[in-house]
N, C-alpha and C. Protein backbone atom coordinates (compact mmCIF):
# COMPACT_ATOMS: atom_id res chain seq x y z
N MET A 1 0.75 -1.16 -0.12
CA MET A 1 -0.02 -0.04 0.00
C MET A 1 0.92 1.23 0.00
N SER A 2 1.93 1.24 0.72
CA SER A 2 2.90 2.21 0.83
C SER A 2 3.62 2.43 -0.47
N MET A 3 3.96 1.34 -1.07
CA MET A 3 4.68 1.43 -2.28
C MET A 3 3.75 2.15 -3.38
N ASN A 4 2.59 1.77 -3.41
CA ASN A 4 1.63 2.29 -4.29
C ASN A 4 1.43 3.70 -4.17
N SER A 5 1.34 4.06 -2.90
CA SER A 5 1.11 5.51 -2.49
C SER A 5 2.30 6.31 -3.00
N ASP A 6 3.49 5.80 -2.69
CA ASP A 6 4.64 6.43 -3.11
C ASP A 6 4.84 6.59 -4.70
N SER A 7 4.38 5.58 -5.26
CA SER A 7 4.43 5.49 -6.85
C SER A 7 3.53 6.55 -7.36
N ASP A 8 2.26 6.59 -6.87
CA ASP A 8 1.21 7.52 -7.24
C ASP A 8 1.86 8.94 -7.05
N SER A 9 2.33 9.28 -5.77
CA SER A 9 2.98 10.57 -5.57
C SER A 9 3.94 10.99 -6.46
N SER A 10 4.87 10.08 -6.74
CA SER A 10 5.97 10.22 -7.83
C SER A 10 5.45 10.64 -9.03
N THR A 11 4.37 9.72 -9.45
CA THR A 11 3.77 10.01 -10.93
C THR A 11 3.18 11.57 -10.97
N ASN A 12 2.46 12.03 -9.84
CA ASN A 12 1.82 13.21 -9.76
C ASN A 12 2.69 14.32 -9.77
N SER A 13 3.75 14.10 -9.04
CA SER A 13 4.91 15.09 -9.01
C SER A 13 5.63 15.28 -10.47
N SER A 14 5.66 14.14 -11.14
CA SER A 14 6.29 14.44 -12.49
C SER A 14 5.34 14.98 -13.43
N ARG A 15 3.99 14.75 -13.35
CA ARG A 15 3.08 15.48 -14.21
C ARG A 15 3.02 16.89 -13.89
N THR A 16 3.12 17.22 -12.51
CA THR A 16 3.14 18.71 -12.23
C THR A 16 4.17 19.31 -12.81
N ALA A 17 5.35 18.64 -12.48
CA ALA A 17 6.51 19.33 -13.20
C ALA A 17 6.60 19.46 -14.65
N GLY A 18 5.94 18.46 -15.39
CA GLY A 18 5.75 18.58 -16.74
C GLY A 18 4.92 19.67 -17.22
N ARG A 19 3.95 19.97 -16.31
CA ARG A 19 2.96 21.09 -16.63
C ARG A 19 3.59 22.44 -16.25
N ARG A 20 4.53 22.51 -15.62
CA ARG A 20 5.16 23.64 -14.95
C ARG A 20 5.58 24.63 -16.31
N VAL A 21 5.12 25.88 -16.11
CA VAL A 21 5.46 26.81 -17.28
C VAL A 21 6.95 27.18 -17.20
N SER A 22 7.65 27.29 -18.28
CA SER A 22 9.09 27.69 -18.04
C SER A 22 9.17 29.11 -18.04
N ARG A 23 10.41 29.49 -17.51
CA ARG A 23 10.65 30.96 -17.37
C ARG A 23 10.56 31.65 -18.72
N SER A 24 11.14 31.12 -19.81
CA SER A 24 10.93 31.75 -21.12
C SER A 24 9.55 31.93 -21.52
N THR A 25 8.71 30.99 -21.24
CA THR A 25 7.25 31.10 -21.56
C THR A 25 6.63 32.30 -20.95
N ARG A 26 6.88 32.26 -19.45
CA ARG A 26 6.44 33.33 -18.58
C ARG A 26 6.95 34.74 -19.26
N PHE A 27 8.16 34.77 -19.58
CA PHE A 27 8.63 36.05 -20.05
C PHE A 27 8.01 36.51 -21.44
N ALA A 28 7.88 35.43 -22.30
CA ALA A 28 7.19 35.79 -23.61
C ALA A 28 5.72 36.31 -23.25
N LEU A 29 5.06 35.56 -22.32
CA LEU A 29 3.64 36.01 -22.01
C LEU A 29 3.68 37.53 -21.37
N THR A 30 4.65 37.80 -20.64
CA THR A 30 4.74 39.01 -19.98
C THR A 30 4.88 40.23 -21.00
N ILE A 31 5.74 39.96 -22.07
CA ILE A 31 5.99 40.87 -23.15
C ILE A 31 4.54 41.05 -23.89
N VAL A 32 3.91 39.90 -24.11
CA VAL A 32 2.44 40.04 -24.80
C VAL A 32 1.68 40.96 -24.01
N VAL A 33 1.62 40.70 -22.81
CA VAL A 33 0.69 41.54 -21.81
C VAL A 33 1.07 43.14 -21.86
N ILE A 34 2.47 43.40 -21.86
CA ILE A 34 2.83 44.77 -21.88
C ILE A 34 2.53 45.37 -23.08
N TYR A 35 2.58 44.68 -24.34
CA TYR A 35 2.21 45.29 -25.73
C TYR A 35 0.72 45.50 -25.65
N ALA A 36 -0.14 44.60 -25.09
CA ALA A 36 -1.46 44.80 -24.98
C ALA A 36 -1.93 45.90 -24.14
N ILE A 37 -1.19 46.26 -23.06
CA ILE A 37 -1.39 47.51 -22.39
C ILE A 37 -1.08 48.70 -23.11
N LEU A 38 0.11 48.76 -23.82
CA LEU A 38 0.47 49.71 -24.51
C LEU A 38 -0.43 50.07 -25.79
N LEU A 39 -0.86 49.04 -26.42
CA LEU A 39 -1.95 49.27 -27.43
C LEU A 39 -3.26 49.81 -26.90
N ALA A 40 -3.76 49.31 -25.72
CA ALA A 40 -4.90 49.97 -25.23
C ALA A 40 -4.72 51.35 -24.85
N GLY A 41 -3.35 51.80 -24.41
CA GLY A 41 -3.15 53.20 -24.16
C GLY A 41 -3.29 54.04 -25.32
N LEU A 42 -2.69 53.34 -26.43
CA LEU A 42 -2.94 54.10 -27.74
C LEU A 42 -4.30 54.25 -28.19
N CYS A 43 -5.06 53.37 -28.11
CA CYS A 43 -6.62 53.36 -28.43
C CYS A 43 -7.21 54.27 -27.51
N TRP A 44 -6.80 54.49 -26.27
CA TRP A 44 -7.59 55.12 -25.21
C TRP A 44 -7.37 56.73 -25.59
N GLY A 45 -6.25 57.10 -26.14
CA GLY A 45 -6.09 58.49 -26.46
C GLY A 45 -5.54 59.50 -25.32
N SER A 46 -6.02 60.58 -25.27
CA SER A 46 -5.67 61.60 -24.27
C SER A 46 -4.02 61.77 -24.32
N ILE A 47 -3.47 62.19 -23.19
CA ILE A 47 -2.14 62.53 -23.11
C ILE A 47 -1.39 61.26 -23.25
N VAL A 48 -1.81 60.22 -22.51
CA VAL A 48 -1.13 59.03 -22.61
C VAL A 48 -1.07 58.43 -23.88
N GLY A 49 -2.00 58.36 -24.85
CA GLY A 49 -2.10 57.83 -26.19
C GLY A 49 -1.16 58.80 -26.99
N HIS A 50 -1.14 60.19 -26.80
CA HIS A 50 -0.34 60.99 -27.37
C HIS A 50 1.24 60.71 -27.39
N VAL A 51 1.58 60.40 -26.11
CA VAL A 51 3.03 60.17 -25.70
C VAL A 51 3.37 58.88 -26.49
N LEU A 52 2.53 57.88 -26.28
CA LEU A 52 2.74 56.55 -26.88
C LEU A 52 2.92 56.59 -28.41
N PHE A 53 2.05 57.40 -28.93
CA PHE A 53 2.11 57.44 -30.51
C PHE A 53 3.43 58.31 -30.82
N LEU A 54 3.75 59.29 -30.30
CA LEU A 54 4.88 59.96 -30.49
C LEU A 54 5.95 59.10 -30.42
N GLY A 55 6.17 58.22 -29.44
CA GLY A 55 7.30 57.36 -29.38
C GLY A 55 7.34 56.32 -30.49
N LEU A 56 5.94 55.85 -30.85
CA LEU A 56 6.03 54.89 -32.06
C LEU A 56 6.52 55.53 -33.34
N VAL A 57 6.02 56.87 -33.46
CA VAL A 57 6.38 57.37 -34.71
C VAL A 57 7.95 57.69 -34.86
N SER A 58 8.47 58.14 -33.63
CA SER A 58 9.83 58.58 -33.55
C SER A 58 10.69 57.23 -33.70
N ALA A 59 10.41 56.12 -33.25
CA ALA A 59 11.12 54.96 -33.42
C ALA A 59 10.99 54.09 -34.75
N ALA A 60 10.07 54.68 -35.59
CA ALA A 60 9.87 54.00 -36.88
C ALA A 60 11.05 53.76 -37.64
N PHE A 61 11.74 54.65 -38.03
CA PHE A 61 12.95 54.37 -38.94
C PHE A 61 14.02 53.54 -38.26
N LEU A 62 14.27 53.88 -36.90
CA LEU A 62 15.31 52.95 -36.29
C LEU A 62 14.84 51.42 -36.19
N ALA A 63 13.55 51.30 -36.00
CA ALA A 63 12.91 49.96 -36.09
C ALA A 63 13.25 49.25 -37.30
N VAL A 64 12.95 49.95 -38.60
CA VAL A 64 13.16 49.42 -39.88
C VAL A 64 14.68 49.16 -40.06
N TYR A 65 15.62 50.01 -39.84
CA TYR A 65 16.95 50.10 -40.37
C TYR A 65 18.01 49.43 -39.31
N VAL A 66 17.53 49.50 -38.00
CA VAL A 66 18.42 48.97 -37.02
C VAL A 66 17.94 47.87 -36.09
N ALA A 67 16.83 48.15 -35.35
CA ALA A 67 16.44 47.25 -34.40
C ALA A 67 15.87 45.90 -35.15
N GLY A 68 15.09 46.10 -36.26
CA GLY A 68 14.63 44.97 -36.85
C GLY A 68 15.65 44.03 -37.35
N PRO A 69 16.62 44.55 -38.15
CA PRO A 69 17.70 43.70 -38.64
C PRO A 69 18.55 43.07 -37.44
N LEU A 70 18.59 43.74 -36.36
CA LEU A 70 19.47 43.36 -35.24
C LEU A 70 18.59 42.10 -34.47
N ALA A 71 17.48 42.37 -34.45
CA ALA A 71 16.65 41.23 -33.92
C ALA A 71 16.53 40.07 -34.65
N PHE A 72 16.46 40.08 -35.99
CA PHE A 72 16.45 39.11 -36.95
C PHE A 72 17.84 38.28 -36.86
N VAL A 73 18.85 38.97 -36.79
CA VAL A 73 20.14 38.42 -36.55
C VAL A 73 20.34 37.51 -35.31
N LEU A 74 19.79 38.13 -34.38
CA LEU A 74 19.79 37.48 -32.96
C LEU A 74 18.98 36.23 -33.04
N TRP A 75 17.79 36.41 -33.53
CA TRP A 75 17.01 35.19 -33.57
C TRP A 75 17.46 34.08 -34.38
N ALA A 76 18.09 34.43 -35.57
CA ALA A 76 18.49 33.48 -36.46
C ALA A 76 19.80 32.70 -35.79
N ALA A 77 20.55 33.40 -35.04
CA ALA A 77 21.62 32.91 -34.32
C ALA A 77 21.26 31.91 -33.24
N PHE A 78 20.19 32.29 -32.66
CA PHE A 78 19.59 31.60 -31.47
C PHE A 78 19.09 30.19 -32.11
N MET A 79 18.40 30.15 -33.21
CA MET A 79 17.90 29.09 -33.83
C MET A 79 18.97 28.14 -34.47
N ALA A 80 19.95 28.67 -34.99
CA ALA A 80 21.08 27.94 -35.56
C ALA A 80 21.84 27.18 -34.41
N HIS A 81 22.05 27.81 -33.24
CA HIS A 81 22.53 27.20 -32.14
C HIS A 81 21.80 26.01 -31.70
N ARG A 82 20.44 26.37 -31.59
CA ARG A 82 19.69 25.25 -31.09
C ARG A 82 19.60 24.06 -32.04
N LEU A 83 19.56 24.29 -33.40
CA LEU A 83 19.43 23.24 -34.27
C LEU A 83 20.90 22.59 -34.58
N PHE A 84 21.86 23.33 -34.71
CA PHE A 84 23.22 22.73 -35.07
C PHE A 84 24.26 22.52 -33.99
N ILE A 85 24.02 23.26 -32.83
CA ILE A 85 24.97 23.18 -31.87
C ILE A 85 24.50 22.14 -30.84
N ARG A 86 23.30 22.51 -30.43
CA ARG A 86 22.56 21.64 -29.41
C ARG A 86 21.99 20.52 -29.93
N LYS A 87 21.69 20.57 -31.22
CA LYS A 87 20.99 19.62 -32.06
C LYS A 87 19.64 19.13 -31.41
N ASN A 88 18.81 20.28 -31.07
CA ASN A 88 17.72 20.13 -30.38
C ASN A 88 16.58 20.54 -31.48
N ARG A 89 15.91 19.41 -32.04
CA ARG A 89 15.01 19.66 -33.11
C ARG A 89 13.70 19.41 -32.78
N GLY A 90 13.29 19.21 -31.51
CA GLY A 90 11.99 19.15 -31.09
C GLY A 90 11.19 20.41 -30.84
N SER A 91 9.94 20.28 -31.31
CA SER A 91 9.11 21.51 -31.25
C SER A 91 9.77 22.79 -31.88
N ILE A 92 10.31 22.67 -33.03
CA ILE A 92 11.05 23.74 -33.75
C ILE A 92 10.17 24.96 -33.87
N PHE A 93 8.91 24.65 -34.33
CA PHE A 93 7.92 25.78 -34.63
C PHE A 93 7.59 26.46 -33.34
N ARG A 94 7.35 25.86 -32.35
CA ARG A 94 7.02 26.58 -31.03
C ARG A 94 8.10 27.43 -30.54
N ALA A 95 9.25 26.58 -30.58
CA ALA A 95 10.53 27.38 -30.14
C ALA A 95 10.88 28.58 -30.94
N GLY A 96 10.76 28.42 -32.29
CA GLY A 96 10.95 29.71 -33.14
C GLY A 96 10.04 30.82 -32.92
N LEU A 97 8.78 30.49 -32.65
CA LEU A 97 7.74 31.46 -32.52
C LEU A 97 7.96 32.16 -31.11
N LYS A 98 8.30 31.36 -30.10
CA LYS A 98 8.43 31.78 -28.78
C LYS A 98 9.57 32.69 -28.74
N SER A 99 10.79 32.26 -29.33
CA SER A 99 12.07 33.02 -29.40
C SER A 99 11.95 34.30 -30.00
N ALA A 100 11.19 34.23 -31.17
CA ALA A 100 10.97 35.42 -32.00
C ALA A 100 10.10 36.44 -31.16
N GLY A 101 9.03 35.99 -30.51
CA GLY A 101 8.55 36.89 -29.57
C GLY A 101 9.29 37.68 -28.64
N ILE A 102 10.09 36.92 -27.94
CA ILE A 102 10.98 37.27 -26.95
C ILE A 102 12.08 38.32 -27.41
N ILE A 103 12.74 38.02 -28.57
CA ILE A 103 13.65 38.72 -29.10
C ILE A 103 13.17 40.08 -29.74
N PHE A 104 12.25 39.85 -30.65
CA PHE A 104 11.68 40.97 -31.45
C PHE A 104 10.96 41.96 -30.43
N GLY A 105 10.12 41.25 -29.50
CA GLY A 105 9.44 41.93 -28.38
C GLY A 105 10.20 42.92 -27.57
N THR A 106 11.24 42.22 -27.07
CA THR A 106 12.13 42.95 -26.07
C THR A 106 12.87 44.15 -26.64
N ILE A 107 13.39 43.95 -28.00
CA ILE A 107 14.19 45.03 -28.53
C ILE A 107 13.12 46.11 -28.98
N GLY A 108 11.92 45.65 -29.55
CA GLY A 108 10.88 46.66 -29.92
C GLY A 108 10.45 47.52 -28.73
N LEU A 109 10.29 46.80 -27.63
CA LEU A 109 9.90 47.46 -26.37
C LEU A 109 10.80 48.48 -25.83
N VAL A 110 12.07 48.05 -25.83
CA VAL A 110 13.22 49.06 -25.47
C VAL A 110 13.18 50.11 -26.33
N LEU A 111 13.08 49.88 -27.63
CA LEU A 111 13.32 51.16 -28.56
C LEU A 111 11.92 51.87 -28.44
N TRP A 112 10.88 51.35 -28.17
CA TRP A 112 9.66 52.34 -28.02
C TRP A 112 9.77 53.15 -26.87
N ILE A 113 10.26 52.58 -25.83
CA ILE A 113 10.30 53.40 -24.45
C ILE A 113 11.33 54.47 -24.60
N VAL A 114 12.45 54.15 -25.18
CA VAL A 114 13.56 55.12 -25.45
C VAL A 114 12.97 56.31 -26.37
N ALA A 115 12.33 55.93 -27.44
CA ALA A 115 11.76 56.97 -28.33
C ALA A 115 10.76 57.96 -27.52
N MET A 116 10.12 57.46 -26.46
CA MET A 116 9.36 58.31 -25.90
C MET A 116 9.78 59.40 -24.92
N ILE A 117 11.14 59.22 -24.71
CA ILE A 117 11.92 60.18 -23.89
C ILE A 117 12.14 61.42 -24.66
N PRO A 118 11.65 62.66 -24.28
CA PRO A 118 11.91 63.81 -24.95
C PRO A 118 13.48 64.15 -24.90
N PRO A 119 13.96 64.73 -26.01
CA PRO A 119 13.23 65.20 -27.14
C PRO A 119 13.20 64.03 -28.23
N ASN A 120 11.94 63.82 -28.80
CA ASN A 120 11.51 62.84 -29.66
C ASN A 120 12.52 63.04 -31.03
N ALA A 121 12.72 64.25 -31.34
CA ALA A 121 13.37 64.45 -32.51
C ALA A 121 14.60 63.94 -32.51
N ARG A 122 15.45 63.61 -31.54
CA ARG A 122 16.74 63.04 -31.38
C ARG A 122 16.43 61.68 -31.84
N THR A 123 15.61 60.79 -31.48
CA THR A 123 15.41 59.48 -31.90
C THR A 123 15.01 59.46 -33.32
N PHE A 124 14.07 60.27 -33.78
CA PHE A 124 13.57 60.19 -34.98
C PHE A 124 14.69 60.73 -35.97
N SER A 125 15.46 61.65 -35.64
CA SER A 125 16.61 62.01 -36.60
C SER A 125 17.58 60.85 -36.75
N ALA A 126 17.91 60.31 -35.63
CA ALA A 126 18.83 59.12 -35.85
C ALA A 126 18.31 58.18 -36.91
N GLY A 127 17.15 57.78 -36.62
CA GLY A 127 16.61 56.77 -37.67
C GLY A 127 16.33 57.38 -39.04
N TYR A 128 16.02 58.52 -39.25
CA TYR A 128 15.99 59.21 -40.61
C TYR A 128 17.33 59.28 -41.24
N TRP A 129 18.37 59.41 -40.40
CA TRP A 129 19.59 59.44 -40.99
C TRP A 129 20.01 58.13 -41.63
N PHE A 130 19.76 56.91 -41.13
CA PHE A 130 19.93 55.63 -41.86
C PHE A 130 19.13 55.78 -43.02
N HIS A 131 17.91 56.14 -42.97
CA HIS A 131 16.89 56.18 -44.30
C HIS A 131 17.68 57.01 -45.23
N ALA A 132 18.06 58.11 -44.95
CA ALA A 132 18.71 58.89 -46.02
C ALA A 132 20.28 58.37 -46.58
N LYS A 133 20.76 57.67 -45.68
CA LYS A 133 22.11 57.09 -46.01
C LYS A 133 21.72 55.96 -47.16
N VAL A 134 20.68 55.19 -47.07
CA VAL A 134 20.37 54.13 -47.81
C VAL A 134 19.88 54.80 -49.19
N TRP A 135 18.91 55.84 -49.27
CA TRP A 135 18.34 56.30 -50.34
C TRP A 135 18.77 57.60 -51.05
N ALA A 136 19.35 58.51 -50.17
CA ALA A 136 19.61 59.79 -50.78
C ALA A 136 21.23 59.64 -51.57
N ASP A 137 21.14 60.17 -52.70
CA ASP A 137 22.47 60.44 -53.44
C ASP A 137 22.78 61.98 -53.48
N VAL A 138 23.54 62.42 -52.61
CA VAL A 138 23.83 63.77 -52.37
C VAL A 138 24.46 64.38 -53.78
N GLU A 139 25.43 63.70 -54.23
CA GLU A 139 26.05 64.23 -55.50
C GLU A 139 25.05 64.42 -56.57
N GLU A 140 24.18 63.38 -56.70
CA GLU A 140 23.14 63.46 -57.79
C GLU A 140 22.15 64.69 -57.56
N ILE A 141 21.86 64.98 -56.24
CA ILE A 141 20.93 65.91 -56.06
C ILE A 141 21.74 67.33 -56.37
N ARG A 142 22.86 67.48 -55.92
CA ARG A 142 23.72 68.71 -56.26
C ARG A 142 23.73 68.91 -57.76
N ALA A 143 24.08 67.79 -58.67
CA ALA A 143 24.20 67.94 -59.85
C ALA A 143 22.76 68.51 -60.58
N TRP A 144 21.77 67.88 -60.02
CA TRP A 144 20.32 68.25 -60.50
C TRP A 144 20.10 69.75 -60.26
N ALA A 145 20.53 70.15 -59.03
CA ALA A 145 20.26 71.73 -58.75
C ALA A 145 21.02 72.58 -59.57
N ALA A 146 22.37 72.13 -59.93
CA ALA A 146 23.13 72.98 -60.77
C ALA A 146 22.67 73.10 -62.09
N ARG A 147 21.97 71.95 -62.79
CA ARG A 147 21.57 72.20 -64.13
C ARG A 147 20.01 72.67 -64.24
N ARG A 148 19.31 72.97 -63.05
CA ARG A 148 18.07 73.41 -63.17
C ARG A 148 18.02 74.97 -63.61
N THR A 149 16.91 75.14 -64.41
CA THR A 149 16.55 76.63 -64.77
C THR A 149 16.24 77.42 -63.47
N PRO A 150 17.09 78.35 -63.18
CA PRO A 150 16.79 79.00 -61.96
C PRO A 150 15.38 79.70 -61.94
N SER A 151 14.63 79.69 -60.63
CA SER A 151 13.39 80.02 -60.38
C SER A 151 13.59 81.36 -59.46
N PRO A 152 12.84 82.33 -59.84
CA PRO A 152 12.92 83.59 -59.07
C PRO A 152 12.43 83.45 -57.54
N ASP A 153 11.59 82.38 -57.44
CA ASP A 153 11.02 82.00 -56.00
C ASP A 153 11.83 80.91 -55.24
N ARG A 154 12.48 81.17 -54.31
CA ARG A 154 13.30 80.14 -53.60
C ARG A 154 12.32 79.13 -52.97
N PHE A 155 11.14 79.56 -52.68
CA PHE A 155 10.07 78.63 -51.97
C PHE A 155 9.09 77.85 -52.90
N GLU A 156 9.43 78.00 -54.27
CA GLU A 156 8.68 77.35 -55.18
C GLU A 156 8.76 75.89 -55.14
N HIS A 157 7.46 75.16 -54.86
CA HIS A 157 7.50 73.79 -54.89
C HIS A 157 7.53 73.18 -56.27
N ILE A 158 8.68 72.28 -56.28
CA ILE A 158 9.02 71.66 -57.50
C ILE A 158 8.20 70.27 -57.80
N PRO A 159 7.55 70.21 -58.94
CA PRO A 159 6.73 68.98 -59.18
C PRO A 159 7.46 67.70 -59.03
N THR A 160 6.82 66.66 -58.56
CA THR A 160 7.28 65.42 -58.17
C THR A 160 8.13 64.66 -59.31
N ASP A 161 7.67 64.83 -60.45
CA ASP A 161 8.19 64.25 -61.67
C ASP A 161 9.55 64.79 -62.00
N GLN A 162 9.77 66.14 -61.50
CA GLN A 162 11.06 66.73 -61.76
C GLN A 162 12.07 66.47 -60.65
N TRP A 163 11.76 65.85 -59.62
CA TRP A 163 12.77 65.57 -58.50
C TRP A 163 13.79 64.58 -58.98
N PRO A 164 15.00 64.65 -58.27
CA PRO A 164 16.08 63.65 -58.72
C PRO A 164 15.42 62.26 -58.20
N ALA A 165 15.99 61.29 -58.83
CA ALA A 165 15.42 59.90 -58.65
C ALA A 165 15.62 59.53 -57.12
N SER A 166 16.75 59.82 -56.59
CA SER A 166 17.00 59.41 -55.09
C SER A 166 16.05 60.06 -54.17
N LEU A 167 15.72 61.41 -54.55
CA LEU A 167 14.53 61.89 -53.55
C LEU A 167 13.38 61.21 -53.86
N ARG A 168 12.83 60.86 -55.08
CA ARG A 168 11.65 60.13 -55.09
C ARG A 168 11.58 58.70 -54.36
N ARG A 169 12.84 58.11 -54.33
CA ARG A 169 12.92 56.89 -53.63
C ARG A 169 12.83 57.10 -52.17
N MET A 170 13.43 58.27 -51.66
CA MET A 170 13.47 58.58 -50.36
C MET A 170 12.07 58.91 -49.74
N ALA A 171 11.28 59.53 -50.58
CA ALA A 171 9.92 59.93 -49.97
C ALA A 171 9.08 58.86 -49.50
N VAL A 172 8.52 59.15 -48.14
CA VAL A 172 7.60 58.21 -47.58
C VAL A 172 6.23 58.68 -47.90
N SER A 173 5.94 59.75 -47.75
CA SER A 173 4.51 60.34 -47.77
C SER A 173 4.55 61.46 -48.75
N GLY A 174 4.97 61.53 -49.86
CA GLY A 174 4.99 62.64 -50.83
C GLY A 174 6.07 63.56 -50.65
N GLY A 175 5.84 64.48 -49.71
CA GLY A 175 6.82 65.67 -49.40
C GLY A 175 6.90 66.65 -50.35
N THR A 176 7.81 67.62 -50.12
CA THR A 176 8.03 68.84 -51.02
C THR A 176 9.44 69.11 -51.15
N VAL A 177 9.75 69.55 -52.45
CA VAL A 177 11.26 69.94 -52.71
C VAL A 177 11.24 71.32 -53.19
N THR A 178 12.22 72.07 -52.62
CA THR A 178 12.62 73.34 -53.13
C THR A 178 13.99 73.53 -53.49
N CYS A 179 14.29 74.51 -54.34
CA CYS A 179 15.73 74.79 -54.57
C CYS A 179 16.11 76.23 -54.73
N ASP A 180 17.00 76.76 -53.87
CA ASP A 180 17.18 78.06 -53.77
C ASP A 180 18.07 78.41 -55.05
N PRO A 181 17.63 79.51 -55.83
CA PRO A 181 18.24 79.80 -57.04
C PRO A 181 19.65 80.57 -56.70
N LYS A 182 19.92 81.04 -55.66
CA LYS A 182 21.04 81.78 -55.43
C LYS A 182 22.23 80.91 -55.06
N ASN A 183 21.99 79.91 -54.32
CA ASN A 183 23.06 79.02 -53.83
C ASN A 183 23.01 77.51 -54.14
N PHE A 184 21.85 77.23 -54.67
CA PHE A 184 21.37 75.82 -55.17
C PHE A 184 21.16 74.85 -53.96
N THR A 185 20.84 75.41 -52.86
CA THR A 185 20.54 74.63 -51.77
C THR A 185 19.07 73.81 -51.94
N VAL A 186 19.14 72.68 -51.89
CA VAL A 186 17.90 71.84 -51.99
C VAL A 186 17.32 71.42 -50.74
N ILE A 187 16.06 71.69 -50.42
CA ILE A 187 15.52 71.17 -49.29
C ILE A 187 14.31 70.30 -49.55
N PHE A 188 14.28 68.95 -49.01
CA PHE A 188 13.23 68.00 -49.06
C PHE A 188 12.63 67.94 -47.80
N TYR A 189 11.37 68.04 -47.60
CA TYR A 189 10.80 67.81 -46.39
C TYR A 189 9.49 67.14 -46.51
N GLU A 190 9.09 66.49 -45.38
CA GLU A 190 7.88 65.80 -45.17
C GLU A 190 7.36 66.16 -43.79
N GLY A 191 6.05 65.94 -43.46
CA GLY A 191 5.57 66.17 -42.11
C GLY A 191 4.19 65.86 -41.87
N CYS A 192 3.75 66.08 -40.61
CA CYS A 192 2.44 65.92 -40.19
C CYS A 192 2.20 66.80 -38.96
N GLY A 193 1.16 66.46 -38.27
CA GLY A 193 0.69 67.33 -37.13
C GLY A 193 1.78 66.95 -35.94
N TYR A 194 2.73 65.97 -35.98
CA TYR A 194 3.62 65.68 -35.02
C TYR A 194 5.03 66.25 -35.32
N GLY A 195 5.16 66.87 -36.40
CA GLY A 195 6.44 67.62 -36.68
C GLY A 195 6.81 67.39 -38.26
N HIS A 196 7.97 68.03 -38.61
CA HIS A 196 8.39 68.09 -39.95
C HIS A 196 9.86 67.76 -39.97
N TRP A 197 10.19 66.91 -40.93
CA TRP A 197 11.60 66.35 -41.17
C TRP A 197 11.92 66.35 -42.58
N GLY A 198 13.28 66.37 -42.86
CA GLY A 198 13.70 66.23 -44.25
C GLY A 198 15.21 66.14 -44.26
N LEU A 199 15.54 66.53 -45.57
CA LEU A 199 16.98 66.59 -45.93
C LEU A 199 17.25 67.79 -46.53
N THR A 200 18.45 68.42 -46.20
CA THR A 200 18.91 69.67 -46.86
C THR A 200 20.30 69.22 -47.53
N VAL A 201 20.44 69.53 -48.74
CA VAL A 201 21.67 69.50 -49.45
C VAL A 201 22.15 70.85 -49.98
N ALA A 202 23.27 71.20 -49.33
CA ALA A 202 23.79 72.71 -49.74
C ALA A 202 25.23 72.45 -50.34
N ALA A 203 25.86 73.51 -50.47
CA ALA A 203 27.30 73.44 -50.98
C ALA A 203 28.26 72.88 -49.87
N PRO A 204 29.20 72.09 -50.27
CA PRO A 204 30.12 71.58 -49.41
C PRO A 204 30.76 72.63 -48.46
N GLY A 205 30.83 72.28 -47.08
CA GLY A 205 31.27 73.38 -46.14
C GLY A 205 30.22 74.00 -45.31
N THR A 206 29.14 73.89 -45.94
CA THR A 206 27.88 74.75 -45.24
C THR A 206 27.45 73.84 -43.97
N PRO A 207 27.59 74.47 -42.81
CA PRO A 207 27.33 73.89 -41.46
C PRO A 207 25.70 73.74 -41.47
N PRO A 208 25.23 72.68 -40.52
CA PRO A 208 23.90 72.32 -40.30
C PRO A 208 23.42 73.53 -39.48
N PRO A 209 22.12 73.83 -39.58
CA PRO A 209 21.47 75.05 -38.83
C PRO A 209 21.41 74.53 -37.21
N ALA A 210 21.34 75.62 -36.47
CA ALA A 210 21.20 75.37 -35.11
C ALA A 210 19.84 75.49 -34.37
N ASP A 211 18.80 75.87 -35.40
CA ASP A 211 17.54 76.05 -34.97
C ASP A 211 16.49 74.82 -34.93
N ARG A 212 17.25 73.55 -35.29
CA ARG A 212 16.53 72.27 -35.28
C ARG A 212 17.32 71.21 -35.04
N HIS A 213 17.08 69.99 -34.69
CA HIS A 213 17.75 68.95 -34.51
C HIS A 213 18.27 68.21 -35.81
N ALA A 214 19.59 68.48 -36.19
CA ALA A 214 19.97 68.13 -37.49
C ALA A 214 21.23 67.20 -37.19
N ILE A 215 21.45 66.23 -38.12
CA ILE A 215 22.44 65.35 -37.94
C ILE A 215 23.11 65.34 -39.40
N LYS A 216 24.61 65.52 -39.46
CA LYS A 216 25.24 65.72 -40.69
C LYS A 216 25.21 64.24 -41.42
N LEU A 217 24.80 64.35 -42.70
CA LEU A 217 24.95 63.23 -43.42
C LEU A 217 26.12 62.93 -44.19
N GLN A 218 26.64 63.96 -44.66
CA GLN A 218 28.07 64.15 -45.23
C GLN A 218 28.30 65.72 -45.37
N ASP A 219 29.46 66.01 -46.01
CA ASP A 219 29.92 67.53 -45.87
C ASP A 219 28.85 68.39 -46.80
N GLY A 220 28.18 69.35 -45.96
CA GLY A 220 27.16 70.15 -46.80
C GLY A 220 25.77 69.62 -46.81
N ALA A 221 25.60 68.38 -46.26
CA ALA A 221 24.23 67.80 -46.16
C ALA A 221 23.85 67.20 -44.88
N TRP A 222 22.52 67.40 -44.59
CA TRP A 222 22.23 66.95 -43.25
C TRP A 222 20.65 66.63 -43.22
N VAL A 223 20.48 65.73 -42.39
CA VAL A 223 18.91 65.39 -42.09
C VAL A 223 18.42 66.31 -40.79
N TRP A 224 17.35 66.48 -40.83
CA TRP A 224 16.70 67.36 -39.55
C TRP A 224 15.27 67.03 -39.24
N HIS A 225 14.94 67.54 -38.15
CA HIS A 225 13.55 67.32 -37.61
C HIS A 225 13.35 68.56 -36.77
N GLU A 226 12.09 69.15 -36.95
CA GLU A 226 11.52 70.14 -36.14
C GLU A 226 10.16 70.11 -35.64
């Protein structure tokens, strides 16, 4: 009788241990809950929703060009280690999904929180710098400005079909391009109710302005947010 009781107790303990939720699973669920709370705050609106949305917008370019690729590399390295070093091929789909949630979720959460810290222009401009590095061709823009027929109005909006190709590729939401006829400075800018941002291409040696958050792209060219 005692032996059966001990055996049943051991079996029940094993089942309980088997049903125990792992720390990684608890962490993944915690991340899901935090995101649910943040999304609820976005939908709720008011000052909380405004701050959350500003952080989300400010983090967008860094998420695309830095955080996203970094998270993918870390996730791929984790899965490669699991499959080829540890040779653990059990529950691959579940492990891949959980690890992706933890890695992408944690990096995204950290970036979102950092982007909510004022000034938001700092985070946005850092991400936009990567965007401009990928798409903007400064020398092409300068050559385009030099061969344009000068316009008497430095604030004249140039039609999109006349823009340099790299500016058309760089545009996210349309934007506007102007070209100063005196010094051939080209200003490309986009914006919404949460601010304006863009790229300025001037003559080499021209310093970035001090009245907005600007980051030098290369000599005489910078991205900015105001």
